[in-house]
Amino acid sequence: MTKNQLINITAEPFAKGAERACYQHPDDENKVIKIRFGEVNKQTRRELAIYKNYAQRNMTNFQHVPQYYGKVETNLGEGMVFDLIRDFDGVISEPLYHSLRSGSPLSEFFPQLEALKHNLLDNLIVISADIVGRHNILLQKLSPATSKLVIVDGIGNHSAINWFDNFRYFAQKKINRRWNRLYIRLEQYAKGER
C-alpha cells in the first residue's frame, strides 16, 4: 500500500459513525478505509495513539481487533486502513447487536464472549467506557457452525490518565471493570431494553 498514491473511492460507505465513514478499499476487498467527515477528529487521534501503543508493545495477536495498516490519501481525504471483517462466505460481518435483537439469547454467545474477554486480558487491550455502542462488536462467522467476536470500534482508554494501562495488573483491572459494564449492556440489548 503506497502512502503517496491517491486512492479513488466512488462507492458509498457501508457504515457510518458519529465522526467517520467506512469504505471498502477499492483495491483490496479485505480492507476498510475509515475517513473522517466534518471537523471533529477525536476518534482518529485516539485510534492512532492506541495502535502506536500496540506497535511499541510488539503486539501481534489481532484475533479480536482489526489490524491497522497505516494512513492513505483518498479523493475524500485522509483515511486509515484496517482489516475488513468478513464471514467465511465473504459477507461483511454483522454486529452482535443484530443477533441479540433478532431473538438470539445472550447465552448462545457465552463461548465467544469468554474467548474475547481472555484475549483482551492476555493482550492488555483496554476497552473504552463507551464500547457499548450497537455496532462496535461484530459477530464474525468462521464457518456455518463457528464464530468469534471482533471489536471494530471502542478500544483504548480515553481517560486523561492512561499510562497505568501499560502495567498488566492495572490494565486487567480496568478491562474487567469495563467488561462487566459491557456485559450488562449486552443483556439489555438481548432483552430489548435498549
N, C-alpha and C. Protein backbone atom coordinates (compact mmCIF):
# COMPACT_ATOMS: atom_id res chain seq x y z
N MET A 1 0.85 -1.18 0.00
CA MET A 1 0.00 0.00 0.00
C MET A 1 0.89 1.24 0.00
N THR A 2 0.92 1.97 -1.08
CA THR A 2 1.77 3.14 -1.18
C THR A 2 1.06 4.34 -0.59
N LYS A 3 1.72 4.98 0.36
CA LYS A 3 1.08 6.10 1.05
C LYS A 3 0.82 7.28 0.12
N ASN A 4 1.71 7.53 -0.84
CA ASN A 4 1.60 8.71 -1.69
C ASN A 4 0.59 8.54 -2.82
N GLN A 5 0.20 7.32 -3.11
CA GLN A 5 -0.74 7.08 -4.20
C GLN A 5 -2.16 7.48 -3.77
N LEU A 6 -2.83 8.28 -4.60
CA LEU A 6 -4.18 8.71 -4.28
C LEU A 6 -5.15 7.58 -4.61
N ILE A 7 -5.95 7.20 -3.63
CA ILE A 7 -6.94 6.14 -3.82
C ILE A 7 -8.27 6.79 -4.14
N ASN A 8 -8.86 6.38 -5.24
CA ASN A 8 -10.12 6.96 -5.69
C ASN A 8 -11.29 6.11 -5.18
N ILE A 9 -12.11 6.69 -4.33
CA ILE A 9 -13.26 5.99 -3.78
C ILE A 9 -14.52 6.52 -4.44
N THR A 10 -15.28 5.64 -5.07
CA THR A 10 -16.52 6.04 -5.74
C THR A 10 -17.75 5.42 -5.10
N ALA A 11 -17.56 4.36 -4.31
CA ALA A 11 -18.69 3.68 -3.67
C ALA A 11 -19.18 4.46 -2.45
N GLU A 12 -20.41 4.17 -2.07
CA GLU A 12 -20.98 4.74 -0.85
C GLU A 12 -20.37 4.03 0.36
N PRO A 13 -20.35 4.67 1.53
CA PRO A 13 -19.85 3.97 2.72
C PRO A 13 -20.81 2.85 3.11
N PHE A 14 -20.26 1.76 3.63
CA PHE A 14 -21.12 0.66 4.10
C PHE A 14 -21.47 0.83 5.56
N ALA A 15 -20.78 1.75 6.25
CA ALA A 15 -21.10 2.05 7.65
C ALA A 15 -20.68 3.48 7.92
N LYS A 16 -21.38 4.10 8.88
CA LYS A 16 -21.08 5.48 9.22
C LYS A 16 -21.27 5.67 10.71
N GLY A 17 -20.28 6.30 11.34
CA GLY A 17 -20.37 6.60 12.76
C GLY A 17 -20.59 8.08 12.98
N ALA A 18 -20.30 8.53 14.19
CA ALA A 18 -20.51 9.94 14.52
C ALA A 18 -19.48 10.84 13.85
N GLU A 19 -18.27 10.31 13.62
CA GLU A 19 -17.20 11.14 13.06
C GLU A 19 -16.62 10.62 11.76
N ARG A 20 -16.80 9.31 11.49
CA ARG A 20 -16.12 8.72 10.34
C ARG A 20 -17.05 7.82 9.54
N ALA A 21 -16.72 7.67 8.27
CA ALA A 21 -17.44 6.75 7.40
C ALA A 21 -16.48 5.64 6.99
N CYS A 22 -17.03 4.45 6.77
CA CYS A 22 -16.22 3.27 6.42
C CYS A 22 -16.49 2.87 4.97
N TYR A 23 -15.41 2.76 4.20
CA TYR A 23 -15.50 2.40 2.79
C TYR A 23 -14.66 1.15 2.55
N GLN A 24 -15.17 0.26 1.72
CA GLN A 24 -14.35 -0.87 1.31
C GLN A 24 -13.20 -0.33 0.46
N HIS A 25 -12.00 -0.80 0.72
CA HIS A 25 -10.84 -0.38 -0.06
C HIS A 25 -11.05 -0.80 -1.51
N PRO A 26 -10.96 0.12 -2.46
CA PRO A 26 -11.24 -0.25 -3.85
C PRO A 26 -10.26 -1.24 -4.45
N ASP A 27 -9.06 -1.36 -3.85
CA ASP A 27 -8.05 -2.28 -4.38
C ASP A 27 -7.88 -3.55 -3.54
N ASP A 28 -8.62 -3.65 -2.44
CA ASP A 28 -8.47 -4.81 -1.56
C ASP A 28 -9.78 -5.03 -0.79
N GLU A 29 -10.53 -6.04 -1.17
CA GLU A 29 -11.84 -6.27 -0.56
C GLU A 29 -11.77 -6.69 0.90
N ASN A 30 -10.57 -6.98 1.39
CA ASN A 30 -10.41 -7.37 2.79
C ASN A 30 -9.90 -6.24 3.68
N LYS A 31 -9.94 -5.01 3.14
CA LYS A 31 -9.52 -3.84 3.91
C LYS A 31 -10.64 -2.81 3.90
N VAL A 32 -10.69 -2.04 4.98
CA VAL A 32 -11.64 -0.93 5.10
C VAL A 32 -10.83 0.35 5.27
N ILE A 33 -11.32 1.43 4.67
CA ILE A 33 -10.72 2.75 4.87
C ILE A 33 -11.71 3.59 5.67
N LYS A 34 -11.27 4.04 6.84
CA LYS A 34 -12.10 4.91 7.67
C LYS A 34 -11.70 6.36 7.38
N ILE A 35 -12.68 7.16 6.98
CA ILE A 35 -12.42 8.54 6.60
C ILE A 35 -13.28 9.48 7.45
N ARG A 36 -12.63 10.47 7.99
CA ARG A 36 -13.31 11.46 8.83
C ARG A 36 -14.16 12.38 7.96
N PHE A 37 -15.31 12.74 8.50
CA PHE A 37 -16.09 13.79 7.85
C PHE A 37 -16.38 14.85 8.92
N GLY A 38 -16.52 16.09 8.51
CA GLY A 38 -16.73 17.17 9.47
C GLY A 38 -15.42 17.59 10.12
N GLU A 39 -15.54 18.38 11.15
CA GLU A 39 -14.35 18.99 11.78
C GLU A 39 -13.78 18.16 12.93
N VAL A 40 -14.61 17.34 13.56
CA VAL A 40 -14.16 16.59 14.74
C VAL A 40 -13.24 15.46 14.31
N ASN A 41 -12.13 15.30 15.07
CA ASN A 41 -11.12 14.30 14.70
C ASN A 41 -10.70 13.46 15.89
N LYS A 42 -11.53 13.44 16.92
CA LYS A 42 -11.17 12.78 18.17
C LYS A 42 -10.90 11.28 18.01
N GLN A 43 -11.82 10.58 17.33
CA GLN A 43 -11.69 9.12 17.20
C GLN A 43 -10.42 8.73 16.47
N THR A 44 -10.10 9.45 15.41
CA THR A 44 -8.91 9.12 14.64
C THR A 44 -7.66 9.31 15.48
N ARG A 45 -7.57 10.42 16.20
CA ARG A 45 -6.39 10.66 17.05
C ARG A 45 -6.25 9.57 18.11
N ARG A 46 -7.36 9.21 18.72
CA ARG A 46 -7.33 8.16 19.75
C ARG A 46 -6.86 6.83 19.16
N GLU A 47 -7.43 6.48 18.02
CA GLU A 47 -7.10 5.20 17.41
C GLU A 47 -5.62 5.14 17.01
N LEU A 48 -5.10 6.23 16.47
CA LEU A 48 -3.68 6.26 16.12
C LEU A 48 -2.81 6.04 17.35
N ALA A 49 -3.16 6.68 18.46
CA ALA A 49 -2.39 6.52 19.71
C ALA A 49 -2.47 5.08 20.21
N ILE A 50 -3.64 4.47 20.10
CA ILE A 50 -3.83 3.10 20.56
C ILE A 50 -2.97 2.14 19.75
N TYR A 51 -3.02 2.25 18.43
CA TYR A 51 -2.26 1.33 17.59
C TYR A 51 -0.76 1.60 17.66
N LYS A 52 -0.38 2.83 17.93
CA LYS A 52 1.05 3.14 18.17
C LYS A 52 1.52 2.41 19.42
N ASN A 53 0.67 2.42 20.45
CA ASN A 53 0.99 1.71 21.68
C ASN A 53 1.11 0.21 21.44
N TYR A 54 0.21 -0.35 20.64
CA TYR A 54 0.30 -1.79 20.32
C TYR A 54 1.62 -2.10 19.62
N ALA A 55 2.03 -1.23 18.69
CA ALA A 55 3.29 -1.44 17.96
C ALA A 55 4.48 -1.37 18.92
N GLN A 56 4.44 -0.42 19.85
CA GLN A 56 5.53 -0.28 20.82
C GLN A 56 5.63 -1.51 21.72
N ARG A 57 4.49 -2.14 21.96
CA ARG A 57 4.47 -3.35 22.79
C ARG A 57 4.69 -4.62 21.95
N ASN A 58 4.91 -4.44 20.65
CA ASN A 58 5.10 -5.57 19.73
C ASN A 58 3.94 -6.54 19.75
N MET A 59 2.73 -6.00 19.86
CA MET A 59 1.56 -6.86 19.87
C MET A 59 1.35 -7.46 18.48
N THR A 60 1.14 -8.77 18.43
CA THR A 60 0.95 -9.46 17.15
C THR A 60 -0.38 -10.19 17.08
N ASN A 61 -1.12 -10.25 18.18
CA ASN A 61 -2.37 -11.01 18.20
C ASN A 61 -3.54 -10.09 17.87
N PHE A 62 -3.99 -10.18 16.62
CA PHE A 62 -5.11 -9.36 16.18
C PHE A 62 -6.32 -10.25 15.86
N GLN A 63 -6.53 -11.25 16.71
CA GLN A 63 -7.66 -12.17 16.53
C GLN A 63 -9.00 -11.47 16.76
N HIS A 64 -9.02 -10.53 17.71
CA HIS A 64 -10.30 -9.95 18.12
C HIS A 64 -10.37 -8.44 17.94
N VAL A 65 -9.35 -7.86 17.33
CA VAL A 65 -9.38 -6.46 16.91
C VAL A 65 -8.76 -6.41 15.52
N PRO A 66 -9.21 -5.49 14.67
CA PRO A 66 -8.64 -5.42 13.32
C PRO A 66 -7.19 -4.92 13.36
N GLN A 67 -6.40 -5.39 12.44
CA GLN A 67 -5.04 -4.88 12.31
C GLN A 67 -5.08 -3.55 11.56
N TYR A 68 -4.16 -2.67 11.93
CA TYR A 68 -4.06 -1.34 11.30
C TYR A 68 -2.89 -1.35 10.33
N TYR A 69 -3.11 -0.78 9.12
CA TYR A 69 -2.09 -0.83 8.07
C TYR A 69 -1.53 0.54 7.70
N GLY A 70 -1.99 1.60 8.35
CA GLY A 70 -1.43 2.91 8.08
C GLY A 70 -2.44 3.85 7.44
N LYS A 71 -1.95 5.07 7.17
CA LYS A 71 -2.78 6.10 6.56
C LYS A 71 -2.63 6.08 5.05
N VAL A 72 -3.69 6.51 4.36
CA VAL A 72 -3.66 6.66 2.91
C VAL A 72 -4.36 7.96 2.53
N GLU A 73 -4.00 8.47 1.36
CA GLU A 73 -4.68 9.64 0.81
C GLU A 73 -5.74 9.17 -0.17
N THR A 74 -6.95 9.70 -0.04
CA THR A 74 -8.03 9.35 -0.96
C THR A 74 -8.63 10.64 -1.53
N ASN A 75 -9.48 10.49 -2.52
CA ASN A 75 -10.18 11.65 -3.08
C ASN A 75 -11.17 12.26 -2.08
N LEU A 76 -11.44 11.53 -0.98
CA LEU A 76 -12.35 12.03 0.05
C LEU A 76 -11.61 12.54 1.29
N GLY A 77 -10.28 12.52 1.21
CA GLY A 77 -9.47 12.96 2.34
C GLY A 77 -8.61 11.82 2.87
N GLU A 78 -7.88 12.12 3.94
CA GLU A 78 -7.00 11.12 4.53
C GLU A 78 -7.82 10.02 5.20
N GLY A 79 -7.37 8.79 5.04
CA GLY A 79 -8.06 7.66 5.65
C GLY A 79 -7.10 6.74 6.38
N MET A 80 -7.67 5.91 7.22
CA MET A 80 -6.90 4.90 7.95
C MET A 80 -7.37 3.53 7.47
N VAL A 81 -6.41 2.64 7.22
CA VAL A 81 -6.72 1.33 6.64
C VAL A 81 -6.65 0.25 7.71
N PHE A 82 -7.70 -0.56 7.78
CA PHE A 82 -7.80 -1.66 8.74
C PHE A 82 -8.30 -2.91 8.01
N ASP A 83 -8.20 -4.05 8.70
CA ASP A 83 -8.85 -5.26 8.20
C ASP A 83 -10.35 -5.01 8.11
N LEU A 84 -10.95 -5.50 7.04
CA LEU A 84 -12.41 -5.50 6.92
C LEU A 84 -12.88 -6.88 7.36
N ILE A 85 -13.71 -6.93 8.38
CA ILE A 85 -14.10 -8.21 8.98
C ILE A 85 -15.23 -8.82 8.14
N ARG A 86 -14.94 -9.98 7.58
CA ARG A 86 -15.89 -10.69 6.73
C ARG A 86 -16.14 -12.10 7.26
N ASP A 87 -17.33 -12.62 6.96
CA ASP A 87 -17.65 -14.00 7.30
C ASP A 87 -16.98 -14.95 6.31
N PHE A 88 -17.06 -16.23 6.60
CA PHE A 88 -16.43 -17.24 5.75
C PHE A 88 -16.94 -17.19 4.32
N ASP A 89 -18.16 -16.70 4.11
CA ASP A 89 -18.74 -16.65 2.77
C ASP A 89 -18.51 -15.31 2.07
N GLY A 90 -17.69 -14.45 2.67
CA GLY A 90 -17.33 -13.18 2.05
C GLY A 90 -18.21 -12.00 2.42
N VAL A 91 -19.32 -12.26 3.11
CA VAL A 91 -20.23 -11.18 3.52
C VAL A 91 -19.59 -10.40 4.69
N ILE A 92 -19.74 -9.07 4.68
CA ILE A 92 -19.23 -8.27 5.80
C ILE A 92 -19.98 -8.67 7.07
N SER A 93 -19.23 -8.95 8.11
CA SER A 93 -19.81 -9.44 9.37
C SER A 93 -20.77 -8.43 9.97
N GLU A 94 -21.83 -8.95 10.57
CA GLU A 94 -22.87 -8.13 11.19
C GLU A 94 -22.54 -7.90 12.67
N PRO A 95 -23.04 -6.80 13.24
CA PRO A 95 -22.85 -6.57 14.67
C PRO A 95 -23.55 -7.64 15.52
N LEU A 96 -22.96 -7.98 16.64
CA LEU A 96 -23.57 -8.90 17.59
C LEU A 96 -24.95 -8.39 17.99
N TYR A 97 -25.09 -7.09 18.08
CA TYR A 97 -26.36 -6.46 18.43
C TYR A 97 -27.51 -6.98 17.57
N HIS A 98 -27.27 -7.14 16.27
CA HIS A 98 -28.33 -7.61 15.36
C HIS A 98 -28.84 -8.99 15.76
N SER A 99 -27.91 -9.87 16.13
CA SER A 99 -28.30 -11.23 16.56
C SER A 99 -29.12 -11.18 17.84
N LEU A 100 -28.69 -10.32 18.77
CA LEU A 100 -29.40 -10.23 20.05
C LEU A 100 -30.79 -9.65 19.85
N ARG A 101 -30.91 -8.63 19.00
CA ARG A 101 -32.22 -8.02 18.78
C ARG A 101 -33.12 -8.89 17.91
N SER A 102 -32.52 -9.88 17.22
CA SER A 102 -33.32 -10.81 16.40
C SER A 102 -33.83 -11.99 17.21
N GLY A 103 -33.52 -12.01 18.51
CA GLY A 103 -34.06 -13.05 19.37
C GLY A 103 -33.07 -14.08 19.86
N SER A 104 -31.82 -14.02 19.41
CA SER A 104 -30.82 -14.98 19.92
C SER A 104 -30.50 -14.63 21.36
N PRO A 105 -30.56 -15.62 22.26
CA PRO A 105 -30.24 -15.32 23.67
C PRO A 105 -28.75 -15.05 23.84
N LEU A 106 -28.42 -14.20 24.79
CA LEU A 106 -27.01 -13.89 25.05
C LEU A 106 -26.22 -15.15 25.40
N SER A 107 -26.88 -16.10 26.07
CA SER A 107 -26.19 -17.34 26.46
C SER A 107 -25.64 -18.10 25.26
N GLU A 108 -26.23 -17.89 24.10
CA GLU A 108 -25.75 -18.56 22.88
C GLU A 108 -24.33 -18.13 22.53
N PHE A 109 -23.94 -16.95 23.02
CA PHE A 109 -22.63 -16.39 22.66
C PHE A 109 -21.63 -16.43 23.81
N PHE A 110 -21.92 -17.20 24.87
CA PHE A 110 -21.00 -17.29 26.00
C PHE A 110 -19.59 -17.73 25.60
N PRO A 111 -19.44 -18.77 24.75
CA PRO A 111 -18.07 -19.17 24.38
C PRO A 111 -17.31 -18.06 23.65
N GLN A 112 -17.99 -17.36 22.75
CA GLN A 112 -17.34 -16.27 22.01
C GLN A 112 -16.99 -15.11 22.94
N LEU A 113 -17.88 -14.81 23.89
CA LEU A 113 -17.62 -13.74 24.84
C LEU A 113 -16.44 -14.08 25.74
N GLU A 114 -16.37 -15.34 26.19
CA GLU A 114 -15.24 -15.75 27.03
C GLU A 114 -13.92 -15.67 26.27
N ALA A 115 -13.92 -16.11 25.01
CA ALA A 115 -12.71 -16.04 24.19
C ALA A 115 -12.27 -14.59 24.00
N LEU A 116 -13.24 -13.71 23.75
CA LEU A 116 -12.92 -12.30 23.58
C LEU A 116 -12.34 -11.71 24.86
N LYS A 117 -12.98 -11.99 25.98
CA LYS A 117 -12.50 -11.45 27.26
C LYS A 117 -11.08 -11.91 27.56
N HIS A 118 -10.80 -13.19 27.35
CA HIS A 118 -9.45 -13.71 27.62
C HIS A 118 -8.42 -13.07 26.70
N ASN A 119 -8.79 -12.84 25.45
CA ASN A 119 -7.88 -12.20 24.52
C ASN A 119 -7.57 -10.77 24.96
N LEU A 120 -8.58 -10.04 25.40
CA LEU A 120 -8.38 -8.68 25.88
C LEU A 120 -7.43 -8.67 27.09
N LEU A 121 -7.68 -9.58 28.03
CA LEU A 121 -6.85 -9.65 29.24
C LEU A 121 -5.42 -10.07 28.92
N ASP A 122 -5.25 -11.06 28.05
CA ASP A 122 -3.91 -11.56 27.71
C ASP A 122 -3.08 -10.52 26.98
N ASN A 123 -3.73 -9.72 26.12
CA ASN A 123 -3.02 -8.76 25.29
C ASN A 123 -3.11 -7.33 25.80
N LEU A 124 -3.70 -7.15 26.99
CA LEU A 124 -3.87 -5.83 27.61
C LEU A 124 -4.54 -4.85 26.65
N ILE A 125 -5.62 -5.31 26.03
CA ILE A 125 -6.41 -4.46 25.14
C ILE A 125 -7.53 -3.85 25.98
N VAL A 126 -7.32 -2.63 26.40
CA VAL A 126 -8.30 -1.94 27.23
C VAL A 126 -9.44 -1.48 26.33
N ILE A 127 -10.66 -1.74 26.77
CA ILE A 127 -11.82 -1.28 26.00
C ILE A 127 -12.30 0.03 26.60
N SER A 128 -12.85 0.87 25.76
CA SER A 128 -13.29 2.17 26.23
C SER A 128 -14.58 2.05 27.02
N ALA A 129 -14.87 3.08 27.77
CA ALA A 129 -16.08 3.09 28.59
C ALA A 129 -17.33 3.12 27.72
N ASP A 130 -17.19 3.57 26.46
CA ASP A 130 -18.36 3.68 25.59
C ASP A 130 -18.40 2.59 24.52
N ILE A 131 -17.75 1.46 24.79
CA ILE A 131 -17.75 0.37 23.81
C ILE A 131 -19.14 -0.23 23.62
N VAL A 132 -20.05 0.14 24.46
CA VAL A 132 -21.38 -0.46 24.43
C VAL A 132 -22.21 -0.04 23.22
N GLY A 133 -21.62 0.67 22.29
CA GLY A 133 -22.36 1.04 21.07
C GLY A 133 -22.84 -0.20 20.33
N ARG A 134 -23.91 -0.07 19.59
CA ARG A 134 -24.55 -1.21 18.94
C ARG A 134 -23.74 -1.83 17.82
N HIS A 135 -22.81 -1.08 17.25
CA HIS A 135 -22.09 -1.57 16.07
C HIS A 135 -20.61 -1.78 16.33
N ASN A 136 -20.19 -1.76 17.59
CA ASN A 136 -18.77 -1.85 17.91
C ASN A 136 -18.23 -3.27 17.93
N ILE A 137 -19.09 -4.26 18.15
CA ILE A 137 -18.64 -5.65 18.23
C ILE A 137 -19.32 -6.45 17.13
N LEU A 138 -18.50 -7.04 16.26
CA LEU A 138 -19.03 -7.83 15.16
C LEU A 138 -18.99 -9.32 15.49
N LEU A 139 -19.97 -10.04 14.97
CA LEU A 139 -20.01 -11.50 15.08
C LEU A 139 -19.51 -12.04 13.75
N GLN A 140 -18.26 -12.48 13.74
CA GLN A 140 -17.65 -13.00 12.50
C GLN A 140 -17.87 -14.51 12.42
N LYS A 141 -18.62 -14.93 11.40
CA LYS A 141 -18.87 -16.35 11.19
C LYS A 141 -17.69 -16.97 10.45
N LEU A 142 -16.99 -17.87 11.14
CA LEU A 142 -15.82 -18.53 10.56
C LEU A 142 -16.20 -19.73 9.73
N SER A 143 -17.37 -20.28 9.99
CA SER A 143 -17.95 -21.41 9.25
C SER A 143 -19.44 -21.40 9.59
N PRO A 144 -20.25 -22.28 8.99
CA PRO A 144 -21.67 -22.30 9.37
C PRO A 144 -21.89 -22.57 10.86
N ALA A 145 -20.91 -23.20 11.51
CA ALA A 145 -21.11 -23.61 12.91
C ALA A 145 -20.23 -22.88 13.91
N THR A 146 -19.25 -22.11 13.45
CA THR A 146 -18.32 -21.45 14.38
C THR A 146 -18.25 -19.96 14.10
N SER A 147 -17.98 -19.20 15.16
CA SER A 147 -17.88 -17.75 15.02
C SER A 147 -17.00 -17.19 16.14
N LYS A 148 -16.61 -15.95 15.97
CA LYS A 148 -15.87 -15.23 17.02
C LYS A 148 -16.33 -13.78 17.01
N LEU A 149 -16.00 -13.07 18.07
CA LEU A 149 -16.35 -11.66 18.20
C LEU A 149 -15.12 -10.80 17.92
N VAL A 150 -15.34 -9.71 17.19
CA VAL A 150 -14.26 -8.79 16.84
C VAL A 150 -14.71 -7.37 17.20
N ILE A 151 -13.88 -6.67 17.97
CA ILE A 151 -14.18 -5.29 18.34
C ILE A 151 -13.62 -4.38 17.25
N VAL A 152 -14.48 -3.66 16.56
CA VAL A 152 -14.02 -2.80 15.47
C VAL A 152 -14.00 -1.33 15.86
N ASP A 153 -14.55 -1.00 16.99
CA ASP A 153 -14.52 0.37 17.48
C ASP A 153 -14.74 0.32 18.98
N GLY A 154 -14.13 1.25 19.70
CA GLY A 154 -14.33 1.27 21.15
C GLY A 154 -13.19 0.65 21.93
N ILE A 155 -12.01 0.56 21.31
CA ILE A 155 -10.86 0.07 22.07
C ILE A 155 -10.07 1.26 22.59
N GLY A 156 -9.31 1.01 23.63
CA GLY A 156 -8.46 2.05 24.20
C GLY A 156 -9.11 2.75 25.38
N ASN A 157 -8.26 3.38 26.15
CA ASN A 157 -8.70 4.12 27.32
C ASN A 157 -8.71 5.59 26.95
N HIS A 158 -9.87 6.21 27.00
CA HIS A 158 -9.98 7.59 26.58
C HIS A 158 -9.85 8.58 27.73
N SER A 159 -9.52 8.08 28.91
CA SER A 159 -9.37 9.00 30.04
C SER A 159 -8.01 9.70 29.96
N ALA A 160 -7.91 10.82 30.64
CA ALA A 160 -6.71 11.66 30.56
C ALA A 160 -5.47 10.93 31.09
N ILE A 161 -5.65 10.18 32.16
CA ILE A 161 -4.51 9.47 32.75
C ILE A 161 -4.63 8.00 32.37
N ASN A 162 -3.79 7.57 31.43
CA ASN A 162 -3.90 6.18 30.98
C ASN A 162 -2.56 5.45 30.90
N TRP A 163 -1.50 6.03 31.46
CA TRP A 163 -0.21 5.35 31.38
C TRP A 163 -0.18 4.09 32.24
N PHE A 164 -1.15 3.98 33.20
CA PHE A 164 -1.25 2.76 34.01
C PHE A 164 -1.61 1.55 33.14
N ASP A 165 -2.20 1.81 31.98
CA ASP A 165 -2.67 0.72 31.12
C ASP A 165 -1.53 -0.14 30.57
N ASN A 166 -0.30 0.32 30.71
CA ASN A 166 0.84 -0.48 30.25
C ASN A 166 1.32 -1.46 31.32
N PHE A 167 0.70 -1.41 32.49
CA PHE A 167 1.04 -2.35 33.56
C PHE A 167 -0.07 -3.39 33.66
N ARG A 168 0.32 -4.66 33.58
CA ARG A 168 -0.64 -5.75 33.50
C ARG A 168 -1.71 -5.69 34.58
N TYR A 169 -1.31 -5.50 35.83
CA TYR A 169 -2.27 -5.52 36.93
C TYR A 169 -3.35 -4.45 36.75
N PHE A 170 -2.93 -3.20 36.48
CA PHE A 170 -3.88 -2.10 36.35
C PHE A 170 -4.73 -2.24 35.09
N ALA A 171 -4.10 -2.66 34.00
CA ALA A 171 -4.85 -2.81 32.74
C ALA A 171 -5.92 -3.88 32.88
N GLN A 172 -5.56 -5.01 33.50
CA GLN A 172 -6.54 -6.09 33.64
C GLN A 172 -7.68 -5.70 34.57
N LYS A 173 -7.37 -4.94 35.61
CA LYS A 173 -8.46 -4.46 36.49
C LYS A 173 -9.43 -3.59 35.71
N LYS A 174 -8.90 -2.70 34.89
CA LYS A 174 -9.74 -1.80 34.10
C LYS A 174 -10.55 -2.59 33.08
N ILE A 175 -9.90 -3.56 32.41
CA ILE A 175 -10.60 -4.39 31.42
C ILE A 175 -11.77 -5.11 32.09
N ASN A 176 -11.54 -5.71 33.25
CA ASN A 176 -12.60 -6.43 33.95
C ASN A 176 -13.76 -5.51 34.34
N ARG A 177 -13.44 -4.30 34.82
CA ARG A 177 -14.49 -3.34 35.19
C ARG A 177 -15.34 -2.98 33.98
N ARG A 178 -14.67 -2.67 32.90
CA ARG A 178 -15.40 -2.25 31.70
C ARG A 178 -16.11 -3.41 31.04
N TRP A 179 -15.53 -4.60 31.18
CA TRP A 179 -16.20 -5.79 30.65
C TRP A 179 -17.54 -6.00 31.34
N ASN A 180 -17.56 -5.83 32.65
CA ASN A 180 -18.80 -6.01 33.41
C ASN A 180 -19.87 -5.02 32.93
N ARG A 181 -19.45 -3.79 32.66
CA ARG A 181 -20.37 -2.78 32.16
C ARG A 181 -20.89 -3.16 30.76
N LEU A 182 -19.98 -3.65 29.92
CA LEU A 182 -20.35 -4.09 28.58
C LEU A 182 -21.36 -5.24 28.65
N TYR A 183 -21.10 -6.19 29.54
CA TYR A 183 -21.97 -7.36 29.65
C TYR A 183 -23.39 -6.97 30.05
N ILE A 184 -23.51 -6.03 30.98
CA ILE A 184 -24.83 -5.54 31.39
C ILE A 184 -25.56 -4.94 30.20
N ARG A 185 -24.84 -4.16 29.37
CA ARG A 185 -25.48 -3.55 28.21
C ARG A 185 -25.91 -4.63 27.20
N LEU A 186 -25.08 -5.65 27.00
CA LEU A 186 -25.46 -6.73 26.09
C LEU A 186 -26.71 -7.45 26.58
N GLU A 187 -26.81 -7.65 27.88
CA GLU A 187 -28.02 -8.26 28.44
C GLU A 187 -29.25 -7.39 28.16
N GLN A 188 -29.07 -6.08 28.26
CA GLN A 188 -30.19 -5.16 27.96
C GLN A 188 -30.58 -5.25 26.49
N TYR A 189 -29.60 -5.35 25.61
CA TYR A 189 -29.90 -5.50 24.17
C TYR A 189 -30.71 -6.77 23.94
N ALA A 190 -30.25 -7.87 24.59
CA ALA A 190 -30.90 -9.16 24.39
C ALA A 190 -32.36 -9.14 24.89
N LYS A 191 -32.62 -8.36 25.94
CA LYS A 191 -33.97 -8.27 26.49
C LYS A 191 -34.82 -7.21 25.78
N GLY A 192 -34.21 -6.50 24.82
CA GLY A 192 -34.94 -5.48 24.10
C GLY A 192 -35.14 -4.21 24.90
N GLU A 193 -34.31 -4.00 25.94
CA GLU A 193 -34.46 -2.84 26.80
C GLU A 193 -33.78 -1.60 26.23
N ARG A 194 -32.96 -1.77 25.20
CA ARG A 194 -32.24 -0.63 24.60
C ARG A 194 -32.29 -0.75 23.10
